[in-house]
Amino acid sequence: MLSLPRGIATVARAVARFNVAAALVILTSLSLSSLSRPAEAMNIKQIQSPGGIKAWLVEEHSVPLISLKYAFDGGNSQDPKGKAGVANFITAMMDEGAGDLKSEDYQERMEDLAMRMSYDDTKDSLYGSFETLTANRDKAVELLKLSVQHPRFDQDAIERIRKQLIANLVYAAKDPGKVAMRGWYAQAFAGHPYARPSAGTVDTVSKITRDDLLDYHKRIFARDNLKVVAVGDITPDELGKLIDNVFGALPAKADLFPVPKVEPVLGGSQRVIEMGVPQSVAVFGLGAMPRMDPDFMTAFVVNHILGGGGFSAKLMEEVREKRGLAYSVYTYIQPDRYTSILVGSVATKNASMAESLDIIRKEMKKMAENGPTQADLDAAKSYLTGSYALRFDTNSKIASQLLGLMQEGFGPDYVETRNKKIEAITLADAKRVAARLLKPENLIVTVVGKPAGMKSVIPAALRPVTAPTRG
């Protein structure tokens, strides 16, 4: 029998399976709107597996596809001290062999089944994503089960992935935007796990061992910190059995390091990281309301008006449209588990960075003192309520949105009540919350480049505050 090189053999297999893989791509792209199922009309079922694992399910049998999203509490804030990057490392290893299947064999089985599986980490969670055609579901689930329960972490795969991760870090060190964001977190949360680089450093990644990966997997992959959402061609009974099959043998309880609540340092600061680039990048931000704060939704709308609304936002109008100082400037609110921040970024030529940041501070101050206009508020509410359905136009998007709601502690009814909450926001609400949220005197700024006339200004008295987030 003729033996083909791996690369050629992979192409040959792909061609032979073209119809299956193409079907997965086509079916994945089908939108919820094409099935005449608006977001508000989704029937979100709360189920519990025979083994006691809770999940949410949106049944959709019109398309022979299932999308499964799941998350384990923990994320990269659970990286051991001196080993930043362990969570990120493990996400790259989960399809590099499992059970009796080495990396090449495991990935060939995935290709044979045209299944999709990926992992990702954030500061507070480690995420998994799985998609398969109904016809291949049983075999694909067995591969997923092996990945979740019995990843191999073979040394040859570890060294290959390590080289890739280090190459990514070397590349990222030359990207001013990534350097600025990493520097901002280090400045805002010094001494807290959030200050650590999520992907680690060349030094820390070089030191991560197989035992580190095994220990992280043992501590984090457990049933009590697991959340699961499924969307697609599967019944509640079938999903319950699937969940128990994949996750049921995991430890009952995770072993998480304690992570204290934290606020960004107060009092304002500015750090300049020199890099020989013609255009500087700034990341700026301050503390915001926690997700469950009664004012969070109003703050979300205020941020849309200030910097989250694209070309309609005040910062875009003042920095780009009126003065042509930058191609883009934006802000968003990021509610993490142990803090919440309003953070933004602007990139401009070195000579214009100081002016751009001055305008951003002035617009924040103006919004804090005067609030938005009624026209601004009406336009923001109209956009945010009208665009919400776009978050639910594929099975994968639906699963991701519902998983996020589950993690944040909301019930399935949030999908129906979210727009009503936005519509109920008054101008008085917006003005009050703008004053509470926007305090430019506390703005933390990190600039990467050679910004003209700017230097680091970091008061010595600034210290991270490990206390409950405001509100």
Protein backbone atom coordinates (compact mmCIF):
# COMPACT_ATOMS: atom_id res chain seq x y z
CA MET A 1 0.00 0.00 0.00
CA LEU A 2 1.31 3.42 -0.97
CA SER A 3 2.19 5.59 2.04
CA LEU A 4 1.62 9.31 1.52
CA PRO A 5 3.41 12.09 3.45
CA ARG A 6 1.22 13.47 6.22
CA GLY A 7 0.51 16.79 4.48
CA ILE A 8 -0.56 15.12 1.23
CA ALA A 9 -2.55 12.50 3.09
CA THR A 10 -4.39 15.23 5.00
CA VAL A 11 -5.35 16.94 1.74
CA ALA A 12 -6.49 13.61 0.30
CA ARG A 13 -8.69 12.93 3.32
CA ALA A 14 -10.14 16.42 3.15
CA VAL A 15 -11.09 15.96 -0.48
CA ALA A 16 -12.62 12.54 0.24
CA ARG A 17 -14.71 14.07 3.03
CA PHE A 18 -15.52 17.31 1.24
CA ASN A 19 -19.28 16.80 1.38
CA VAL A 20 -19.29 16.27 5.16
CA ALA A 21 -17.04 19.21 5.96
CA ALA A 22 -18.87 21.46 3.50
CA ALA A 23 -22.17 20.51 5.10
CA LEU A 24 -20.87 21.58 8.51
CA VAL A 25 -19.77 24.95 7.15
CA ILE A 26 -23.05 25.55 5.34
CA LEU A 27 -25.23 24.45 8.23
CA THR A 28 -23.23 26.50 10.73
CA SER A 29 -23.83 29.60 8.64
CA LEU A 30 -27.59 29.20 8.68
CA SER A 31 -29.11 31.99 10.73
CA LEU A 32 -31.79 31.85 13.35
CA SER A 33 -33.73 34.42 11.33
CA SER A 34 -33.89 31.98 8.40
CA LEU A 35 -35.69 29.60 10.74
CA SER A 36 -38.18 32.32 11.74
CA ARG A 37 -37.11 32.26 15.39
CA PRO A 38 -36.53 35.79 16.79
CA ALA A 39 -34.32 36.00 19.87
CA GLU A 40 -37.21 36.95 22.14
CA ALA A 41 -39.14 33.83 21.06
CA MET A 42 -36.43 31.32 21.87
CA ASN A 43 -37.55 28.50 24.11
CA ILE A 44 -34.61 28.22 26.52
CA LYS A 45 -34.97 25.08 28.58
CA GLN A 46 -33.18 24.58 31.88
CA ILE A 47 -32.29 20.92 32.25
CA GLN A 48 -30.44 18.75 34.70
CA SER A 49 -28.58 15.63 33.64
CA PRO A 50 -29.17 12.32 35.45
CA GLY A 51 -25.83 12.97 37.15
CA GLY A 52 -26.96 16.38 38.42
CA ILE A 53 -25.18 18.71 35.97
CA LYS A 54 -27.32 21.72 35.03
CA ALA A 55 -27.44 23.14 31.50
CA TRP A 56 -29.47 25.34 29.19
CA LEU A 57 -30.83 24.07 25.89
CA VAL A 58 -32.37 25.64 22.80
CA GLU A 59 -33.76 22.85 20.66
CA GLU A 60 -33.64 23.42 16.90
CA HIS A 61 -34.27 20.30 14.84
CA SER A 62 -34.56 22.03 11.47
CA VAL A 63 -30.78 21.89 11.07
CA PRO A 64 -28.87 18.63 11.81
CA LEU A 65 -26.20 20.36 13.87
CA ILE A 66 -25.41 20.82 17.55
CA SER A 67 -23.33 23.60 19.11
CA LEU A 68 -22.09 23.04 22.66
CA LYS A 69 -20.41 25.77 24.70
CA TYR A 70 -19.08 25.23 28.20
CA ALA A 71 -16.93 27.04 30.74
CA PHE A 72 -14.98 26.23 33.87
CA ASP A 73 -14.55 29.01 36.43
CA GLY A 74 -10.89 29.84 36.90
CA GLY A 75 -9.18 31.13 33.79
CA ASN A 76 -5.68 32.57 33.81
CA SER A 77 -6.13 34.25 37.21
CA GLN A 78 -5.58 30.68 38.46
CA ASP A 79 -2.09 30.48 36.96
CA PRO A 80 0.44 29.68 39.71
CA LYS A 81 2.78 32.47 40.77
CA GLY A 82 5.78 32.60 38.50
CA LYS A 83 4.00 30.45 35.91
CA ALA A 84 1.85 33.00 34.06
CA GLY A 85 0.55 31.44 30.87
CA VAL A 86 -0.43 27.99 32.15
CA ALA A 87 -4.13 28.41 31.30
CA ASN A 88 -3.27 29.72 27.85
CA PHE A 89 -0.83 26.84 27.36
CA ILE A 90 -3.42 24.23 28.29
CA THR A 91 -5.97 25.63 25.81
CA ALA A 92 -3.46 24.98 23.04
CA MET A 93 -2.88 21.41 24.24
CA MET A 94 -6.42 20.06 24.48
CA ASP A 95 -6.52 18.69 20.93
CA GLU A 96 -2.92 17.46 21.03
CA GLY A 97 -3.83 13.91 21.89
CA ALA A 98 -6.16 12.33 24.45
CA GLY A 99 -6.74 8.86 25.84
CA ASP A 100 -4.96 6.32 23.66
CA LEU A 101 -4.76 8.73 20.71
CA LYS A 102 -1.58 10.68 20.15
CA SER A 103 -1.75 14.15 18.64
CA GLU A 104 -1.68 13.15 14.97
CA ASP A 105 -4.21 10.35 15.43
CA TYR A 106 -6.55 12.54 17.49
CA GLN A 107 -6.54 15.35 14.96
CA GLU A 108 -7.05 12.94 12.09
CA ARG A 109 -10.16 11.57 13.85
CA MET A 110 -11.42 15.15 14.23
CA GLU A 111 -10.91 15.73 10.52
CA ASP A 112 -12.65 12.45 9.66
CA LEU A 113 -15.73 13.58 11.58
CA ALA A 114 -15.56 17.22 10.40
CA MET A 115 -16.09 18.23 14.05
CA ARG A 116 -15.00 21.54 15.51
CA MET A 117 -13.47 21.84 18.93
CA SER A 118 -11.55 24.69 20.50
CA TYR A 119 -10.56 26.10 23.87
CA ASP A 120 -9.88 29.61 25.09
CA ASP A 121 -9.08 31.32 28.37
CA THR A 122 -9.96 34.65 29.94
CA LYS A 123 -9.05 36.06 33.32
CA ASP A 124 -11.92 34.26 35.04
CA SER A 125 -12.86 31.27 32.87
CA LEU A 126 -11.59 28.53 30.62
CA TYR A 127 -13.95 28.01 27.67
CA GLY A 128 -14.65 25.07 25.42
CA SER A 129 -16.53 25.02 22.13
CA PHE A 130 -17.78 21.98 20.24
CA GLU A 131 -19.80 21.61 17.03
CA THR A 132 -20.79 18.50 15.15
CA LEU A 133 -23.29 17.22 12.63
CA THR A 134 -26.03 15.06 14.12
CA ALA A 135 -24.94 12.11 11.99
CA ASN A 136 -21.48 12.18 13.58
CA ARG A 137 -22.55 13.18 17.07
CA ASP A 138 -21.86 9.96 18.97
CA LYS A 139 -18.35 9.49 17.60
CA ALA A 140 -17.53 13.20 17.93
CA VAL A 141 -18.74 13.26 21.54
CA GLU A 142 -16.38 10.40 22.37
CA LEU A 143 -13.46 12.50 21.10
CA LEU A 144 -14.66 15.46 23.14
CA LYS A 145 -14.93 13.23 26.20
CA LEU A 146 -11.33 12.10 25.80
CA SER A 147 -10.15 15.71 25.51
CA VAL A 148 -12.05 16.84 28.61
CA GLN A 149 -11.23 13.86 30.82
CA HIS A 150 -7.94 12.43 29.55
CA PRO A 151 -5.71 14.93 27.71
CA ARG A 152 -2.29 13.37 27.14
CA PHE A 153 0.08 16.33 27.44
CA ASP A 154 2.83 14.34 25.71
CA GLN A 155 6.25 15.93 26.06
CA ASP A 156 6.89 16.17 22.32
CA ALA A 157 3.58 18.01 21.85
CA ILE A 158 4.36 20.26 24.82
CA GLU A 159 7.68 21.31 23.30
CA ARG A 160 6.12 21.93 19.88
CA ILE A 161 3.33 24.06 21.35
CA ARG A 162 5.80 25.85 23.63
CA LYS A 163 7.77 27.00 20.58
CA GLN A 164 4.59 28.30 18.99
CA LEU A 165 3.54 30.16 22.13
CA ILE A 166 6.96 31.73 22.58
CA ALA A 167 6.98 32.80 18.93
CA ASN A 168 3.58 34.44 19.52
CA LEU A 169 4.93 36.25 22.57
CA VAL A 170 7.96 37.53 20.68
CA TYR A 171 5.67 38.82 17.94
CA ALA A 172 3.24 40.37 20.45
CA ALA A 173 6.14 42.23 22.10
CA LYS A 174 6.48 44.21 18.87
CA ASP A 175 2.78 45.06 18.67
CA PRO A 176 2.21 48.43 20.41
CA GLY A 177 -1.48 47.74 20.97
CA LYS A 178 -0.86 44.47 22.79
CA VAL A 179 2.02 45.95 24.77
CA ALA A 180 -0.18 48.89 25.80
CA MET A 181 -3.04 46.67 26.98
CA ARG A 182 -0.73 44.41 28.93
CA GLY A 183 0.98 47.46 30.45
CA TRP A 184 -2.37 48.99 31.38
CA TYR A 185 -3.45 45.95 33.38
CA ALA A 186 -0.06 45.80 35.09
CA GLN A 187 -0.41 49.45 36.04
CA ALA A 188 -4.06 49.31 37.11
CA PHE A 189 -3.92 46.11 39.17
CA ALA A 190 -0.35 45.87 40.44
CA GLY A 191 0.02 42.96 42.86
CA HIS A 192 -3.24 41.28 41.78
CA PRO A 193 -3.58 38.23 39.49
CA TYR A 194 -5.23 40.48 36.89
CA ALA A 195 -1.93 42.32 36.51
CA ARG A 196 -0.19 39.23 35.15
CA PRO A 197 0.09 38.81 31.36
CA SER A 198 -2.57 36.28 30.39
CA ALA A 199 -0.36 34.53 27.84
CA GLY A 200 2.64 34.68 30.14
CA THR A 201 6.11 35.83 29.18
CA VAL A 202 8.92 34.10 27.33
CA ASP A 203 10.50 33.37 30.71
CA THR A 204 7.38 31.94 32.39
CA VAL A 205 6.24 29.90 29.38
CA SER A 206 9.74 28.45 29.10
CA LYS A 207 9.39 27.14 32.67
CA ILE A 208 5.93 25.54 32.38
CA THR A 209 6.12 21.78 32.83
CA ARG A 210 3.86 18.84 32.11
CA ASP A 211 3.12 18.65 35.83
CA ASP A 212 1.91 22.27 35.74
CA LEU A 213 -0.57 21.38 32.99
CA LEU A 214 -1.74 18.25 34.79
CA ASP A 215 -2.17 20.16 38.05
CA TYR A 216 -4.18 22.94 36.38
CA HIS A 217 -6.41 20.38 34.67
CA LYS A 218 -6.98 18.55 37.94
CA ARG A 219 -7.84 21.75 39.86
CA ILE A 220 -10.01 23.50 37.27
CA PHE A 221 -11.84 20.78 35.31
CA ALA A 222 -14.55 19.91 37.81
CA ARG A 223 -18.33 19.67 37.92
CA ASP A 224 -19.12 22.36 40.50
CA ASN A 225 -17.55 25.17 38.44
CA LEU A 226 -18.93 23.98 35.10
CA LYS A 227 -21.59 25.71 33.03
CA VAL A 228 -23.00 24.23 29.82
CA VAL A 229 -25.22 25.50 27.00
CA ALA A 230 -26.36 23.54 23.93
CA VAL A 231 -28.18 24.77 20.84
CA GLY A 232 -29.38 22.61 17.99
CA ASP A 233 -30.61 19.18 17.02
CA ILE A 234 -30.76 17.43 20.38
CA THR A 235 -33.49 16.67 22.95
CA PRO A 236 -33.26 17.31 26.69
CA ASP A 237 -32.86 13.61 27.45
CA GLU A 238 -30.13 13.25 24.82
CA LEU A 239 -28.32 16.32 26.12
CA GLY A 240 -28.45 15.05 29.70
CA LYS A 241 -26.81 11.78 28.69
CA LEU A 242 -24.22 13.62 26.57
CA ILE A 243 -23.28 15.93 29.44
CA ASP A 244 -22.86 13.07 31.89
CA ASN A 245 -20.80 11.15 29.33
CA VAL A 246 -18.44 14.06 28.71
CA PHE A 247 -18.23 15.70 32.14
CA GLY A 248 -19.66 13.20 34.63
CA ALA A 249 -16.36 11.57 35.57
CA LEU A 250 -14.66 14.88 36.45
CA PRO A 251 -13.97 15.68 40.12
CA ALA A 252 -17.00 16.94 42.04
CA LYS A 253 -15.28 20.12 43.22
CA ALA A 254 -12.65 22.44 41.77
CA ASP A 255 -9.66 23.52 43.83
CA LEU A 256 -9.40 27.23 43.07
CA PHE A 257 -6.90 29.71 44.45
CA PRO A 258 -8.70 32.58 46.21
CA VAL A 259 -8.80 35.76 44.10
CA PRO A 260 -9.68 39.00 45.92
CA LYS A 261 -11.97 41.65 44.50
CA VAL A 262 -10.05 44.67 43.27
CA GLU A 263 -10.49 48.17 41.88
CA PRO A 264 -8.12 49.95 39.52
CA VAL A 265 -5.80 52.31 41.36
CA LEU A 266 -7.31 55.73 42.00
CA GLY A 267 -5.84 59.16 41.50
CA GLY A 268 -4.88 58.96 37.84
CA SER A 269 -1.57 57.91 36.33
CA GLN A 270 0.25 57.87 33.03
CA ARG A 271 2.95 55.48 31.85
CA VAL A 272 4.92 55.83 28.64
CA ILE A 273 6.60 52.72 27.22
CA GLU A 274 9.02 53.71 24.51
CA MET A 275 8.90 51.85 21.20
CA GLY A 276 10.36 52.98 17.90
CA VAL A 277 7.11 53.25 15.93
CA PRO A 278 5.73 56.21 13.94
CA GLN A 279 2.32 55.91 15.60
CA SER A 280 1.69 55.67 19.32
CA VAL A 281 -1.06 53.55 20.86
CA ALA A 282 -2.75 54.47 24.13
CA VAL A 283 -4.95 52.35 26.37
CA PHE A 284 -6.90 54.33 28.97
CA GLY A 285 -9.45 53.36 31.57
CA LEU A 286 -10.91 53.54 35.06
CA GLY A 287 -13.21 51.61 37.37
CA ALA A 288 -16.83 50.88 36.47
CA MET A 289 -19.93 49.26 37.98
CA PRO A 290 -20.11 45.49 38.56
CA ARG A 291 -22.40 43.55 36.23
CA MET A 292 -25.12 43.11 38.85
CA ASP A 293 -25.09 46.78 39.89
CA PRO A 294 -28.51 48.39 39.27
CA ASP A 295 -26.76 51.13 37.28
CA PHE A 296 -24.79 48.79 35.01
CA MET A 297 -27.21 48.84 32.08
CA THR A 298 -27.42 52.63 32.19
CA ALA A 299 -23.61 52.79 32.27
CA PHE A 300 -23.58 50.50 29.24
CA VAL A 301 -25.79 52.97 27.35
CA VAL A 302 -23.74 55.97 28.51
CA ASN A 303 -20.56 54.28 27.29
CA HIS A 304 -22.18 53.63 23.91
CA ILE A 305 -22.82 57.36 23.57
CA LEU A 306 -19.32 58.28 24.74
CA GLY A 307 -17.12 55.80 22.91
CA GLY A 308 -18.88 52.56 22.11
CA GLY A 309 -21.11 53.62 19.25
CA GLY A 310 -18.67 53.73 16.36
CA PHE A 311 -18.99 56.83 14.20
CA SER A 312 -21.92 58.10 16.28
CA ALA A 313 -19.87 58.20 19.50
CA LYS A 314 -18.70 61.49 20.98
CA LEU A 315 -15.03 60.49 21.10
CA MET A 316 -15.04 59.45 17.45
CA GLU A 317 -16.72 62.70 16.48
CA GLU A 318 -14.27 64.90 18.40
CA VAL A 319 -11.01 63.01 17.80
CA ARG A 320 -11.50 61.74 14.25
CA GLU A 321 -14.32 63.58 12.49
CA LYS A 322 -13.62 67.10 13.67
CA ARG A 323 -9.84 67.01 14.00
CA GLY A 324 -8.60 64.02 12.00
CA LEU A 325 -6.26 62.99 14.80
CA ALA A 326 -6.92 59.24 14.73
CA TYR A 327 -8.51 56.60 12.55
CA SER A 328 -10.27 55.03 15.50
CA VAL A 329 -10.99 55.69 19.16
CA TYR A 330 -13.33 53.59 21.28
CA THR A 331 -14.34 52.56 24.79
CA TYR A 332 -16.17 49.61 26.30
CA ILE A 333 -17.15 48.34 29.73
CA GLN A 334 -15.55 45.06 30.79
CA PRO A 335 -17.19 43.49 33.86
CA ASP A 336 -14.88 40.76 35.10
CA ARG A 337 -15.65 38.59 38.11
CA TYR A 338 -13.47 40.50 40.57
CA THR A 339 -13.56 43.98 39.07
CA SER A 340 -15.24 46.07 36.39
CA ILE A 341 -13.60 48.65 34.16
CA LEU A 342 -14.34 51.13 31.44
CA VAL A 343 -11.40 50.88 29.07
CA GLY A 344 -10.60 52.35 25.68
CA SER A 345 -7.88 52.88 23.13
CA VAL A 346 -6.68 55.39 20.57
CA ALA A 347 -3.85 55.22 18.04
CA THR A 348 -2.37 58.29 16.40
CA LYS A 349 0.92 59.74 15.20
CA ASN A 350 3.42 60.50 17.93
CA ALA A 351 2.95 64.24 17.57
CA SER A 352 -0.81 64.01 18.18
CA MET A 353 -1.11 61.62 21.11
CA ALA A 354 -1.03 64.24 23.87
CA GLU A 355 -3.74 66.28 22.12
CA SER A 356 -5.89 63.19 21.53
CA LEU A 357 -5.77 62.18 25.18
CA ASP A 358 -6.53 65.73 26.27
CA ILE A 359 -9.69 65.69 24.11
CA ILE A 360 -10.70 62.30 25.54
CA ARG A 361 -10.38 63.63 29.09
CA LYS A 362 -12.37 66.75 28.22
CA GLU A 363 -15.17 64.71 26.62
CA MET A 364 -15.34 62.46 29.66
CA LYS A 365 -15.53 65.49 31.92
CA LYS A 366 -18.19 67.08 29.72
CA MET A 367 -20.31 63.92 29.73
CA ALA A 368 -19.89 63.55 33.52
CA GLU A 369 -20.99 67.13 34.15
CA ASN A 370 -23.77 67.49 31.58
CA GLY A 371 -24.75 63.95 30.62
CA PRO A 372 -26.01 63.08 27.15
CA THR A 373 -28.79 64.88 25.32
CA GLN A 374 -32.21 63.35 24.87
CA ALA A 375 -31.42 62.85 21.17
CA ASP A 376 -28.18 61.04 22.06
CA LEU A 377 -30.01 58.78 24.50
CA ASP A 378 -32.86 57.99 22.10
CA ALA A 379 -30.43 57.11 19.30
CA ALA A 380 -28.35 54.85 21.58
CA LYS A 381 -31.41 53.04 22.94
CA SER A 382 -32.78 52.50 19.45
CA TYR A 383 -29.49 51.04 18.19
CA LEU A 384 -28.81 48.84 21.22
CA THR A 385 -32.29 47.33 21.29
CA GLY A 386 -32.51 46.92 17.51
CA SER A 387 -29.12 45.26 17.13
CA TYR A 388 -29.57 42.79 19.99
CA ALA A 389 -31.08 40.13 17.72
CA LEU A 390 -27.85 40.01 15.71
CA ARG A 391 -26.19 38.32 18.68
CA PHE A 392 -28.47 35.32 18.11
CA ASP A 393 -28.27 34.70 14.36
CA THR A 394 -26.38 31.38 14.46
CA ASN A 395 -26.41 28.41 16.81
CA SER A 396 -22.86 29.18 17.91
CA LYS A 397 -23.69 32.80 18.72
CA ILE A 398 -26.79 31.79 20.64
CA ALA A 399 -24.81 29.32 22.72
CA SER A 400 -22.09 31.90 23.44
CA GLN A 401 -24.60 34.56 24.49
CA LEU A 402 -26.52 32.20 26.76
CA LEU A 403 -23.33 30.87 28.34
CA GLY A 404 -22.31 34.43 29.17
CA LEU A 405 -25.68 35.11 30.81
CA MET A 406 -25.43 31.88 32.77
CA GLN A 407 -21.95 32.79 34.03
CA GLU A 408 -23.10 36.25 35.07
CA GLY A 409 -25.92 34.83 37.17
CA PHE A 410 -28.89 35.75 34.99
CA GLY A 411 -31.82 33.51 34.16
CA PRO A 412 -33.07 32.63 30.67
CA ASP A 413 -35.69 35.40 30.92
CA TYR A 414 -32.91 37.99 30.51
CA VAL A 415 -33.19 37.59 26.73
CA GLU A 416 -36.78 38.85 26.94
CA THR A 417 -36.26 41.57 29.56
CA ARG A 418 -32.94 43.07 28.39
CA ASN A 419 -34.39 45.47 25.82
CA LYS A 420 -37.15 46.54 28.22
CA LYS A 421 -34.49 47.55 30.74
CA ILE A 422 -32.75 49.70 28.14
CA GLU A 423 -36.01 51.27 26.99
CA ALA A 424 -36.83 52.21 30.60
CA ILE A 425 -33.67 54.32 31.03
CA THR A 426 -34.50 58.01 31.38
CA LEU A 427 -32.38 61.06 30.66
CA ALA A 428 -32.16 61.70 34.41
CA ASP A 429 -30.83 58.16 34.87
CA ALA A 430 -28.21 58.66 32.17
CA LYS A 431 -27.02 61.96 33.63
CA ARG A 432 -26.79 60.55 37.16
CA VAL A 433 -24.87 57.46 36.07
CA ALA A 434 -22.56 59.44 33.79
CA ALA A 435 -21.54 61.51 36.79
CA ARG A 436 -20.98 58.36 38.84
CA LEU A 437 -19.04 56.51 36.15
CA LEU A 438 -16.88 59.09 34.42
CA LYS A 439 -14.15 60.53 36.63
CA PRO A 440 -11.29 61.62 34.35
CA GLU A 441 -9.15 62.47 37.36
CA ASN A 442 -8.87 58.69 37.93
CA LEU A 443 -7.97 57.88 34.34
CA ILE A 444 -5.12 55.38 34.02
CA VAL A 445 -3.22 55.77 30.75
CA THR A 446 -0.57 53.58 29.15
CA VAL A 447 1.06 54.84 25.94
CA VAL A 448 3.39 52.80 23.74
CA GLY A 449 5.49 54.62 21.17
CA LYS A 450 7.37 57.91 21.23
CA PRO A 451 4.59 60.39 22.00
CA ALA A 452 5.82 63.97 21.73
CA GLY A 453 5.87 65.87 25.02
CA MET A 454 4.66 62.98 27.14
CA LYS A 455 6.35 61.19 30.00
CA SER A 456 5.39 58.76 32.74
CA VAL A 457 3.56 60.28 35.70
CA ILE A 458 2.84 57.65 38.35
CA PRO A 459 2.26 59.00 41.87
CA ALA A 460 4.22 57.00 44.43
CA ALA A 461 1.21 56.84 46.74
CA LEU A 462 -0.85 54.80 44.29
CA ARG A 463 -1.56 51.28 45.50
CA PRO A 464 -4.07 48.66 44.30
CA VAL A 465 -7.20 48.50 46.43
CA THR A 466 -8.25 44.93 47.21
CA ALA A 467 -11.83 45.60 48.19
CA PRO A 468 -15.29 45.03 46.74
CA THR A 469 -15.86 46.85 43.46
CA ARG A 470 -17.77 50.09 43.66
CA GLY A 471 -21.50 49.85 43.88
